């Protein structure tokens, strides 16, 4: 408790508070720009933080990280182009709500659920960070394989209403994940002699192409139609009825995001996709999903922002990045002379809790901004298409080219844009493809590593309680619909 109070005292410094506020505003701004994610911004600003000192620098970067996830939902809802990869699940329902004239409602719910998810995860970290760090440390390749397998088992239910189309899209994502050199055998697969494909197909160019470029091409084919303009009275923040409807979704997303975020290398995107699926699974209004469900906005937004706080656990407690963004923050810590790891809880607890306190403040700041400016954000759709979509395309080009400075990534983005257009026309959802791409490589690599550990003996999984628990949960989820139908049939026969 003394360390936490000391962290709050540091946060009370006007300079530190100013950096948190500046990071929050900047995070919302860059998060709302399609193709310019929070990780790219943090990487660009990292050299500028060297002279700030450890606490202001990490608080500034952490505030950008928190706010960018919410900012990504703005364009995901308004133009179906997620500004941050973690907002890809939000676009599935949020953009449908905007088309129905409920953009302000979707943005308001995004702000509230994002803030609740972020605050819940930080509060959990403050009191349970050492315990969560030990739990994350116990995860090895078998546990990661079981977790990724659990994520893949959800593909049939994520996205559109057709399970067959969802599985086809997921299979395409798994196929894309196999492109490049196999790290275990050194064999090059499906590169066809193209040097840019030897390292695999990047997730960011595919995501930008599927959503931003695909939507731009779809809008271009409808250029002679009447543009949809959101009615002025449609922009409003959620009321008590909407909050009661989404309360379960928010708590489900917060729990999933905190747990997924605490596991190294998974991140907010995976948490959002799983949060969306679980929200749909437990919703009492399943028929609304795919047509603009407000629960489908609340669940993934709570999950991806809760994952932000959770991902700081392995970063600070183990020195293992919890996501791509925290990998950059980890570099910033090292530059500042801070050694992340278990000793941080005993040697520099005040610094640790100052970071947590700044994340709490950032969540409160963007909640206030999101609620007060929801109506302003909802007017993005009033921008003429002749100005909006060329800007989106230019930012998408920058976002695809920027991380690796590779024209190959730009061509991948354009190809993914064509796939996104075809998906829209054929009634396919991009969400299963994204899950297959994100989790496919993890399933393959962790399975190979597990078999090396077990000496090619699959029964070795029986000796890993966490992995077996996740596998049992996966099997239960796959076979539960069949068993439920059998039980209902028997009851009907007995009746």
Protein backbone atom coordinates (compact mmCIF):
# COMPACT_ATOMS: atom_id res chain seq x y z
CA UNK A 1 0.00 0.00 0.00
CA UNK A 2 2.89 2.36 0.75
CA UNK A 3 4.27 1.80 -2.75
CA UNK A 4 0.88 2.54 -4.29
CA UNK A 5 0.52 5.76 -2.29
CA UNK A 6 4.03 6.70 -3.36
CA UNK A 7 3.04 6.12 -6.99
CA UNK A 8 0.02 8.41 -6.56
CA UNK A 9 2.28 11.07 -5.05
CA UNK A 10 4.53 10.92 -8.11
CA UNK A 11 1.47 11.19 -10.38
CA UNK A 12 0.44 14.37 -8.53
CA UNK A 13 3.50 16.10 -9.98
CA UNK A 14 2.12 18.63 -12.53
CA UNK A 15 4.78 17.67 -15.09
CA UNK A 16 3.94 13.97 -14.87
CA UNK A 17 0.20 14.68 -15.04
CA UNK A 18 0.73 16.91 -18.06
CA UNK A 19 2.61 14.10 -19.86
CA UNK A 20 -0.22 11.68 -19.09
CA UNK A 21 -2.81 14.12 -20.47
CA UNK A 22 -0.69 14.83 -23.54
CA UNK A 23 -0.19 11.11 -24.15
CA UNK A 24 -3.95 10.51 -23.84
CA UNK A 25 -4.86 13.20 -26.38
CA UNK A 26 -2.14 12.04 -28.76
CA UNK A 27 -3.18 8.41 -28.34
CA UNK A 28 -6.82 9.14 -29.23
CA UNK A 29 -5.71 11.18 -32.24
CA UNK A 30 -3.30 8.63 -33.73
CA UNK A 31 -5.55 5.72 -32.78
CA UNK A 32 -8.32 7.27 -34.89
CA UNK A 33 -6.10 7.44 -37.97
CA UNK A 34 -6.42 4.26 -40.08
CA UNK A 35 -3.04 2.62 -40.50
CA UNK A 36 -1.26 4.68 -37.82
CA UNK A 37 -1.40 2.52 -34.69
CA UNK A 38 -0.28 3.26 -31.16
CA UNK A 39 2.78 1.03 -31.55
CA UNK A 40 3.97 3.02 -34.59
CA UNK A 41 3.52 6.30 -32.73
CA UNK A 42 5.34 5.05 -29.63
CA UNK A 43 8.23 3.84 -31.80
CA UNK A 44 8.46 7.25 -33.47
CA UNK A 45 8.34 9.16 -30.17
CA UNK A 46 10.67 6.88 -28.20
CA UNK A 47 13.83 8.94 -28.94
CA UNK A 48 12.06 12.06 -27.64
CA UNK A 49 11.45 10.47 -24.23
CA UNK A 50 15.11 9.83 -23.40
CA UNK A 51 15.54 13.23 -21.75
CA UNK A 52 12.25 13.07 -19.79
CA UNK A 53 13.32 10.77 -16.97
CA UNK A 54 12.00 7.24 -16.27
CA UNK A 55 8.63 8.06 -14.68
CA UNK A 56 7.38 10.80 -17.06
CA UNK A 57 8.62 8.86 -20.10
CA UNK A 58 6.92 5.59 -19.21
CA UNK A 59 3.75 7.38 -18.08
CA UNK A 60 3.66 9.25 -21.41
CA UNK A 61 4.14 6.10 -23.48
CA UNK A 62 1.68 4.13 -21.34
CA UNK A 63 -1.00 6.82 -21.78
CA UNK A 64 -0.58 6.66 -25.57
CA UNK A 65 -0.91 2.87 -25.37
CA UNK A 66 -4.15 3.09 -23.37
CA UNK A 67 -5.80 5.84 -25.42
CA UNK A 68 -4.83 4.49 -28.86
CA UNK A 69 -6.93 1.38 -28.33
CA UNK A 70 -10.02 3.53 -27.74
CA UNK A 71 -9.08 5.89 -30.56
CA UNK A 72 -8.95 2.95 -32.96
CA UNK A 73 -12.64 2.35 -32.40
CA UNK A 74 -13.57 5.78 -33.77
CA UNK A 75 -12.74 5.04 -37.40
CA UNK A 76 -13.66 1.38 -36.93
CA UNK A 77 -17.21 2.49 -36.14
CA UNK A 78 -17.44 5.42 -38.54
CA UNK A 79 -15.71 4.21 -41.72
CA UNK A 80 -15.05 0.50 -41.02
CA UNK A 81 -11.30 1.16 -40.99
CA UNK A 82 -9.81 0.31 -37.56
CA UNK A 83 -7.24 2.90 -36.60
CA UNK A 84 -5.58 0.32 -34.33
CA UNK A 85 -5.45 -3.47 -35.00
CA UNK A 86 -7.13 -4.15 -31.66
CA UNK A 87 -10.29 -2.39 -32.93
CA UNK A 88 -10.82 -4.88 -35.76
CA UNK A 89 -13.46 -6.78 -33.76
CA UNK A 90 -15.25 -3.50 -32.93
CA UNK A 91 -15.70 -2.77 -36.63
CA UNK A 92 -17.80 -5.91 -37.08
CA UNK A 93 -20.76 -4.46 -35.15
CA UNK A 94 -19.86 -0.80 -34.70
CA UNK A 95 -19.92 0.04 -38.40
CA UNK A 96 -23.32 -1.68 -38.75
CA UNK A 97 -24.61 0.54 -35.94
CA UNK A 98 -23.26 3.63 -37.71
CA UNK A 99 -25.07 2.59 -40.89
CA UNK A 100 -28.29 2.43 -38.87
CA UNK A 101 -27.76 5.97 -37.56
CA UNK A 102 -26.41 4.92 -34.14
CA UNK A 103 -22.82 6.12 -34.48
CA UNK A 104 -22.93 8.32 -31.39
CA UNK A 105 -24.40 5.49 -29.34
CA UNK A 106 -21.69 3.09 -30.52
CA UNK A 107 -18.93 5.62 -29.78
CA UNK A 108 -20.34 6.36 -26.33
CA UNK A 109 -20.53 2.67 -25.48
CA UNK A 110 -17.01 2.21 -26.81
CA UNK A 111 -15.74 4.96 -24.47
CA UNK A 112 -17.52 3.56 -21.40
CA UNK A 113 -16.64 -0.10 -21.95
CA UNK A 114 -13.05 0.79 -22.86
CA UNK A 115 -12.60 2.79 -19.68
CA UNK A 116 -14.22 0.12 -17.50
CA UNK A 117 -12.08 -2.61 -19.05
CA UNK A 118 -8.92 -0.56 -18.62
CA UNK A 119 -9.69 0.44 -15.04
CA UNK A 120 -10.64 -3.13 -14.04
CA UNK A 121 -7.40 -4.52 -15.43
CA UNK A 122 -5.26 -1.88 -13.70
CA UNK A 123 -7.05 -2.38 -10.37
CA UNK A 124 -6.47 -6.12 -10.68
CA UNK A 125 -2.80 -5.49 -11.46
CA UNK A 126 -2.34 -3.21 -8.47
CA UNK A 127 -3.44 -5.90 -6.04
CA UNK A 128 -2.52 -9.07 -7.90
CA UNK A 129 0.44 -8.22 -10.15
CA UNK A 130 2.92 -10.57 -8.41
CA UNK A 131 0.43 -13.47 -8.54
CA UNK A 132 -0.41 -12.84 -12.20
CA UNK A 133 3.28 -12.63 -13.03
CA UNK A 134 3.88 -16.07 -11.52
CA UNK A 135 0.91 -17.49 -13.44
CA UNK A 136 2.22 -16.06 -16.71
CA UNK A 137 5.68 -17.44 -15.95
CA UNK A 138 4.22 -20.97 -15.73
CA UNK A 139 3.04 -20.84 -19.35
CA UNK A 140 5.26 -22.79 -21.71
CA UNK A 141 4.84 -23.97 -25.34
CA UNK A 142 2.22 -26.64 -24.42
CA UNK A 143 0.06 -24.07 -22.63
CA UNK A 144 0.36 -21.58 -25.49
CA UNK A 145 -0.57 -24.30 -27.98
CA UNK A 146 -3.68 -25.19 -25.98
CA UNK A 147 -4.66 -21.51 -25.68
CA UNK A 148 -4.21 -20.87 -29.41
CA UNK A 149 -6.18 -24.04 -30.18
CA UNK A 150 -8.98 -22.71 -27.97
CA UNK A 151 -8.96 -19.49 -29.99
CA UNK A 152 -9.12 -21.37 -33.31
CA UNK A 153 -12.06 -23.44 -32.08
CA UNK A 154 -14.10 -20.23 -32.03
CA UNK A 155 -13.65 -19.45 -35.72
CA UNK A 156 -16.90 -21.10 -36.81
CA UNK A 157 -18.91 -18.79 -34.55
CA UNK A 158 -16.97 -15.54 -35.12
CA UNK A 159 -18.21 -13.09 -37.74
CA UNK A 160 -21.05 -14.00 -40.08
CA UNK A 161 -23.98 -16.29 -39.55
CA UNK A 162 -22.68 -19.06 -41.85
CA UNK A 163 -20.41 -21.47 -39.96
CA UNK A 164 -19.18 -22.94 -43.27
CA UNK A 165 -18.13 -19.53 -44.62
CA UNK A 166 -16.45 -18.72 -41.31
CA UNK A 167 -14.44 -21.97 -41.45
CA UNK A 168 -13.45 -21.29 -45.09
CA UNK A 169 -12.21 -17.81 -44.14
CA UNK A 170 -10.30 -19.23 -41.15
CA UNK A 171 -8.69 -21.86 -43.40
CA UNK A 172 -7.51 -19.07 -45.72
CA UNK A 173 -6.02 -17.27 -42.71
CA UNK A 174 -4.20 -20.45 -41.63
CA UNK A 175 -2.85 -20.87 -45.16
CA UNK A 176 -1.54 -17.29 -45.19
CA UNK A 177 0.12 -17.93 -41.82
CA UNK A 178 2.24 -20.72 -43.35
CA UNK A 179 3.86 -18.44 -45.94
CA UNK A 180 7.56 -17.85 -45.33
CA UNK A 181 10.45 -19.74 -43.83
CA UNK A 182 9.71 -22.39 -41.23
CA UNK A 183 11.79 -21.41 -38.20
CA UNK A 184 12.08 -25.04 -37.07
CA UNK A 185 13.21 -26.70 -40.32
CA UNK A 186 14.48 -23.71 -42.29
CA UNK A 187 12.32 -24.70 -45.28
CA UNK A 188 10.81 -21.88 -47.33
CA UNK A 189 7.09 -22.33 -48.01
CA UNK A 190 4.86 -20.67 -50.61
CA UNK A 191 7.28 -17.79 -51.21
CA UNK A 192 7.68 -18.64 -54.93
CA UNK A 193 11.10 -17.01 -55.01
CA UNK A 194 9.79 -13.63 -53.84
CA UNK A 195 12.29 -12.25 -51.32
CA UNK A 196 9.68 -10.15 -49.49
CA UNK A 197 7.65 -13.29 -48.70
CA UNK A 198 10.52 -15.23 -47.15
CA UNK A 199 9.80 -13.66 -43.75
CA UNK A 200 6.08 -14.36 -44.02
CA UNK A 201 3.08 -12.12 -44.64
CA UNK A 202 2.72 -9.39 -42.06
CA UNK A 203 -0.42 -9.06 -39.98
CA UNK A 204 -0.65 -5.27 -40.20
CA UNK A 205 -0.75 -5.00 -44.05
CA UNK A 206 -3.40 -7.73 -44.23
CA UNK A 207 -5.51 -6.05 -41.57
CA UNK A 208 -5.29 -2.62 -43.21
CA UNK A 209 -6.13 -4.13 -46.60
CA UNK A 210 -9.10 -6.18 -45.40
CA UNK A 211 -10.75 -3.33 -43.56
CA UNK A 212 -9.59 0.05 -44.86
CA UNK A 213 -8.80 -0.70 -48.53
CA UNK A 214 -11.62 -3.24 -48.83
CA UNK A 215 -14.13 -0.71 -47.53
CA UNK A 216 -12.70 2.00 -49.80
CA UNK A 217 -13.10 -0.24 -52.87
CA UNK A 218 -16.62 -1.16 -51.81
CA UNK A 219 -17.54 2.51 -51.40
CA UNK A 220 -15.96 3.32 -54.78
CA UNK A 221 -18.22 0.81 -56.53
CA UNK A 222 -21.21 2.61 -55.00
CA UNK A 223 -20.10 6.11 -55.94
CA UNK A 224 -23.32 6.84 -57.78
CA UNK A 225 -25.48 5.98 -54.78
CA UNK A 226 -26.78 8.44 -52.25
CA UNK A 227 -24.26 8.79 -49.38
CA UNK A 228 -25.53 7.81 -45.95
CA UNK A 229 -25.55 10.76 -43.55
CA UNK A 230 -26.05 10.22 -39.84
CA UNK A 231 -29.03 12.03 -38.45
CA UNK A 232 -28.20 14.69 -35.88
CA UNK A 233 -30.44 13.14 -33.24
CA UNK A 234 -28.71 9.76 -33.63
CA UNK A 235 -25.55 10.86 -31.85
CA UNK A 236 -26.03 10.16 -28.15
CA UNK A 237 -24.27 8.43 -25.30
CA UNK A 238 -25.65 5.20 -23.77
CA UNK A 239 -28.46 5.37 -21.27
CA UNK A 240 -29.34 3.04 -18.42
CA UNK A 241 -31.20 0.63 -20.73
CA UNK A 242 -28.12 0.15 -22.92
CA UNK A 243 -25.84 -0.18 -19.89
CA UNK A 244 -28.03 -2.89 -18.35
CA UNK A 245 -28.05 -4.72 -21.67
CA UNK A 246 -24.24 -4.57 -22.03
CA UNK A 247 -23.20 -5.02 -18.40
CA UNK A 248 -22.51 -8.75 -18.77
CA UNK A 249 -20.60 -8.17 -22.02
CA UNK A 250 -18.38 -5.56 -20.39
CA UNK A 251 -17.45 -7.83 -17.49
CA UNK A 252 -16.81 -10.79 -19.79
CA UNK A 253 -14.56 -8.64 -21.96
CA UNK A 254 -12.75 -7.18 -18.95
CA UNK A 255 -12.00 -10.62 -17.51
CA UNK A 256 -10.85 -12.09 -20.82
CA UNK A 257 -8.74 -9.06 -21.67
CA UNK A 258 -6.96 -9.00 -18.30
CA UNK A 259 -6.14 -12.72 -18.53
CA UNK A 260 -5.08 -12.69 -22.21
CA UNK A 261 -3.07 -9.50 -21.78
CA UNK A 262 -1.09 -10.99 -18.90
CA UNK A 263 0.19 -13.77 -21.17
CA UNK A 264 3.30 -12.74 -23.11
CA UNK A 265 3.03 -12.16 -26.87
CA UNK A 266 -0.77 -12.42 -27.25
CA UNK A 267 -1.89 -8.80 -26.97
CA UNK A 268 -5.07 -6.78 -27.32
CA UNK A 269 -6.05 -7.99 -30.81
CA UNK A 270 -6.34 -11.61 -29.71
CA UNK A 271 -8.20 -10.51 -26.56
CA UNK A 272 -10.68 -8.46 -28.61
CA UNK A 273 -11.44 -11.31 -31.00
CA UNK A 274 -11.95 -13.81 -28.18
CA UNK A 275 -13.95 -11.22 -26.24
CA UNK A 276 -16.24 -10.70 -29.24
CA UNK A 277 -16.87 -14.42 -29.60
CA UNK A 278 -17.56 -14.96 -25.89
CA UNK A 279 -19.85 -11.94 -25.81
CA UNK A 280 -21.84 -13.44 -28.64
CA UNK A 281 -21.83 -16.87 -27.01
CA UNK A 282 -23.33 -15.60 -23.73
CA UNK A 283 -25.60 -12.91 -25.16
CA UNK A 284 -29.37 -13.14 -24.81
CA UNK A 285 -29.70 -11.27 -28.13
CA UNK A 286 -27.64 -13.41 -30.50
CA UNK A 287 -29.89 -12.48 -33.42
CA UNK A 288 -28.61 -8.89 -33.29
CA UNK A 289 -24.99 -9.88 -33.98
CA UNK A 290 -23.95 -9.22 -37.54
CA UNK A 291 -26.60 -6.50 -37.84
CA UNK A 292 -25.23 -3.88 -35.43
CA UNK A 293 -25.23 -5.24 -31.88
CA UNK A 294 -24.25 -2.81 -29.14
CA UNK A 295 -23.06 -5.79 -27.07
CA UNK A 296 -20.70 -6.60 -29.94
CA UNK A 297 -19.12 -3.17 -29.39
CA UNK A 298 -18.99 -3.32 -25.59
CA UNK A 299 -17.40 -6.78 -25.27
CA UNK A 300 -14.34 -6.42 -27.55
CA UNK A 301 -13.71 -2.82 -26.49
CA UNK A 302 -13.62 -3.85 -22.82
CA UNK A 303 -11.37 -6.77 -23.74
CA UNK A 304 -8.80 -4.90 -25.82
CA UNK A 305 -8.42 -2.11 -23.25
CA UNK A 306 -8.23 -4.58 -20.36
CA UNK A 307 -5.45 -6.34 -22.29
CA UNK A 308 -3.45 -3.11 -22.23
CA UNK A 309 -3.16 -3.26 -18.45
CA UNK A 310 -2.69 -7.02 -18.49
CA UNK A 311 0.14 -6.87 -21.03
CA UNK A 312 2.16 -4.68 -18.67
CA UNK A 313 2.45 -7.63 -16.24
CA UNK A 314 4.92 -9.77 -18.21
CA UNK A 315 6.65 -6.62 -19.46
CA UNK A 316 7.37 -5.22 -16.00
CA UNK A 317 7.43 -8.40 -13.90
CA UNK A 318 9.30 -10.73 -16.28
CA UNK A 319 10.92 -8.47 -18.85
CA UNK A 320 8.91 -10.33 -21.54
CA UNK A 321 6.86 -8.08 -23.86
CA UNK A 322 3.14 -8.72 -23.56
CA UNK A 323 2.54 -7.24 -27.02
CA UNK A 324 4.31 -5.44 -29.87
CA UNK A 325 3.64 -2.09 -28.20
CA UNK A 326 4.96 -3.17 -24.82
CA UNK A 327 8.09 -4.43 -26.59
CA UNK A 328 8.77 -0.81 -27.55
CA UNK A 329 7.91 0.35 -24.01
CA UNK A 330 10.32 -2.29 -22.70
CA UNK A 331 13.05 -0.76 -24.86
CA UNK A 332 12.16 2.64 -23.39
CA UNK A 333 12.56 1.25 -19.87
CA UNK A 334 15.99 -0.16 -20.68
CA UNK A 335 17.07 3.14 -22.26
CA UNK A 336 16.03 4.88 -19.04
CA UNK A 337 18.21 2.50 -17.01
CA UNK A 338 15.29 0.52 -15.53
CA UNK A 339 15.73 -3.26 -15.39
CA UNK A 340 12.34 -4.97 -15.80
CA UNK A 341 11.93 -8.27 -14.01
CA UNK A 342 10.78 -9.83 -10.74
CA UNK A 343 13.20 -7.67 -8.77
CA UNK A 344 11.30 -4.55 -9.90
CA UNK A 345 8.58 -5.30 -7.32
CA UNK A 346 11.10 -5.12 -4.50
CA UNK A 347 13.73 -2.67 -5.75
CA UNK A 348 11.56 -0.03 -7.47
CA UNK A 349 7.94 -0.60 -6.40
CA UNK A 350 7.18 3.14 -6.43
CA UNK A 351 8.04 3.37 -10.15
CA UNK A 352 5.89 0.32 -10.87
CA UNK A 353 2.82 1.72 -9.13
CA UNK A 354 3.37 5.17 -10.63
CA UNK A 355 2.97 3.54 -14.04
CA UNK A 356 -0.23 1.81 -12.89
CA UNK A 357 -1.57 5.08 -11.47
CA UNK A 358 -0.84 6.89 -14.74
CA UNK A 359 -2.76 4.22 -16.66
CA UNK A 360 -5.73 4.73 -14.34
CA UNK A 361 -5.57 8.47 -15.00
CA UNK A 362 -5.32 7.91 -18.78
CA UNK A 363 -8.45 5.73 -18.72
CA UNK A 364 -10.38 8.41 -16.85
CA UNK A 365 -9.14 11.12 -19.22
CA UNK A 366 -10.22 9.36 -22.40
CA UNK A 367 -13.55 8.37 -20.83
CA UNK A 368 -14.33 12.06 -20.28
CA UNK A 369 -13.10 12.98 -23.75
CA UNK A 370 -14.98 10.12 -25.38
CA UNK A 371 -18.29 10.99 -23.75
CA UNK A 372 -18.05 14.73 -24.26
CA UNK A 373 -16.85 14.46 -27.85
CA UNK A 374 -18.93 11.46 -29.01
CA UNK A 375 -21.18 13.72 -31.07
CA UNK A 376 -18.15 15.32 -32.67
CA UNK A 377 -16.65 11.95 -33.56
CA UNK A 378 -20.00 10.86 -35.02
CA UNK A 379 -19.73 13.66 -37.61
CA UNK A 380 -16.74 12.02 -39.32
CA UNK A 381 -19.17 10.45 -41.78
CA UNK A 382 -20.21 13.93 -42.92
CA UNK A 383 -16.79 14.47 -44.49
CA UNK A 384 -17.21 14.26 -48.29
CA UNK A 385 -16.06 10.92 -49.65
CA UNK A 386 -13.83 12.71 -52.16
CA UNK A 387 -11.70 13.92 -49.22
CA UNK A 388 -12.19 11.10 -46.72
CA UNK A 389 -11.26 8.02 -48.70
CA UNK A 390 -8.15 9.37 -50.44
CA UNK A 391 -6.94 10.36 -46.95
CA UNK A 392 -7.72 6.89 -45.62
CA UNK A 393 -5.87 5.34 -48.56
CA UNK A 394 -2.81 7.57 -48.06
CA UNK A 395 -2.66 6.75 -44.35
CA UNK A 396 -3.12 3.07 -45.16
CA UNK A 397 -0.14 3.19 -47.50
CA UNK A 398 1.95 4.82 -44.77
CA UNK A 399 0.77 2.30 -42.17
CA UNK A 400 1.58 -0.69 -44.42
CA UNK A 401 4.96 0.63 -45.57
CA UNK A 402 6.13 2.17 -42.30
CA UNK A 403 6.93 -0.78 -39.98
CA UNK A 404 9.35 -2.59 -42.35
CA UNK A 405 9.86 0.05 -45.07
CA UNK A 406 8.95 -2.64 -47.59
CA UNK A 407 7.02 -2.21 -50.83
CA UNK A 408 6.16 -5.90 -50.51
CA UNK A 409 3.92 -5.02 -47.56
CA UNK A 410 2.17 -2.41 -49.71
CA UNK A 411 1.41 -5.00 -52.39
CA UNK A 412 0.15 -7.38 -49.69
CA UNK A 413 -2.14 -4.62 -48.40
CA UNK A 414 -3.55 -4.01 -51.89
CA UNK A 415 -4.12 -7.73 -52.46
CA UNK A 416 -5.82 -7.99 -49.07
CA UNK A 417 -8.02 -5.05 -50.08
CA UNK A 418 -9.26 -6.96 -53.12
CA UNK A 419 -9.92 -9.99 -50.87
CA UNK A 420 -11.81 -7.72 -48.46
CA UNK A 421 -14.01 -6.45 -51.32
CA UNK A 422 -14.73 -10.01 -52.49
CA UNK A 423 -15.51 -11.04 -48.90
CA UNK A 424 -18.08 -8.26 -48.61
CA UNK A 425 -19.74 -9.21 -51.89
CA UNK A 426 -19.84 -12.95 -51.08
CA UNK A 427 -21.06 -12.54 -47.50
CA UNK A 428 -17.85 -13.63 -45.77
CA UNK A 429 -16.66 -12.09 -42.50
CA UNK A 430 -12.98 -11.04 -42.20
CA UNK A 431 -12.86 -11.94 -38.48
CA UNK A 432 -12.21 -15.72 -38.93
CA UNK A 433 -9.45 -14.94 -41.46
CA UNK A 434 -7.83 -12.62 -38.95
CA UNK A 435 -8.02 -15.23 -36.20
CA UNK A 436 -6.53 -17.87 -38.48
CA UNK A 437 -3.68 -15.54 -39.43
CA UNK A 438 -2.96 -14.42 -35.86
CA UNK A 439 -3.22 -17.84 -34.21
CA UNK A 440 -2.09 -20.10 -37.07
CA UNK A 441 1.62 -19.44 -36.68
CA UNK A 442 1.36 -19.74 -32.91
CA UNK A 443 -0.38 -23.13 -33.12
CA UNK A 444 2.25 -24.50 -35.49
CA UNK A 445 5.31 -23.24 -33.65
CA UNK A 446 4.13 -24.09 -30.14
CA UNK A 447 3.07 -27.59 -31.23
CA UNK A 448 6.52 -28.23 -32.69
CA UNK A 449 8.19 -26.89 -29.55
CA UNK A 450 5.91 -29.01 -27.37
CA UNK A 451 6.73 -32.16 -29.33
CA UNK A 452 10.44 -31.41 -28.97
CA UNK A 453 9.95 -31.07 -25.20
CA UNK A 454 7.93 -34.30 -25.00
CA UNK A 455 10.15 -36.29 -27.37
CA UNK A 456 7.39 -36.55 -30.03
CA UNK A 457 5.06 -38.09 -27.46
CA UNK A 458 1.62 -36.44 -27.46
CA UNK A 459 0.80 -37.99 -24.10
CA UNK A 460 3.17 -35.44 -22.60
CA UNK A 461 0.30 -32.98 -22.61
CA UNK A 462 -1.30 -35.09 -19.87
CA UNK A 463 1.43 -33.95 -17.50
CA UNK A 464 0.57 -30.25 -18.02
CA UNK A 465 -2.56 -29.37 -15.98
CA UNK A 466 -3.10 -25.91 -17.48
CA UNK A 467 -2.75 -27.17 -21.06
CA UNK A 468 -5.11 -30.09 -20.41
CA UNK A 469 -7.68 -27.79 -18.83
CA UNK A 470 -7.66 -25.56 -21.90
CA UNK A 471 -7.89 -28.57 -24.23
CA UNK A 472 -10.85 -29.97 -22.29
CA UNK A 473 -12.59 -26.57 -22.44
CA UNK A 474 -11.96 -26.46 -26.20
CA UNK A 475 -13.42 -29.94 -26.74
CA UNK A 476 -16.40 -29.08 -24.55
CA UNK A 477 -17.08 -25.96 -26.61
CA UNK A 478 -16.84 -27.90 -29.88
CA UNK A 479 -19.10 -30.78 -28.88
CA UNK A 480 -21.54 -28.95 -26.60
CA UNK A 481 -24.01 -27.99 -29.40
CA UNK A 482 -24.18 -31.65 -30.50
CA UNK A 483 -24.63 -32.90 -26.95
CA UNK A 484 -27.26 -30.23 -26.26
CA UNK A 485 -29.28 -31.36 -29.29
CA UNK A 486 -29.04 -35.00 -28.16
CA UNK A 487 -30.26 -34.07 -24.67
CA UNK A 488 -33.14 -32.06 -26.08
CA UNK A 489 -34.07 -34.93 -28.38
CA UNK A 490 -34.14 -37.38 -25.47
CA UNK A 491 -36.26 -35.05 -23.36
CA UNK A 492 -38.70 -34.58 -26.22
CA UNK A 493 -38.90 -38.35 -26.73
CA UNK A 494 -39.55 -38.90 -23.02
CA UNK A 495 -42.18 -36.18 -22.96
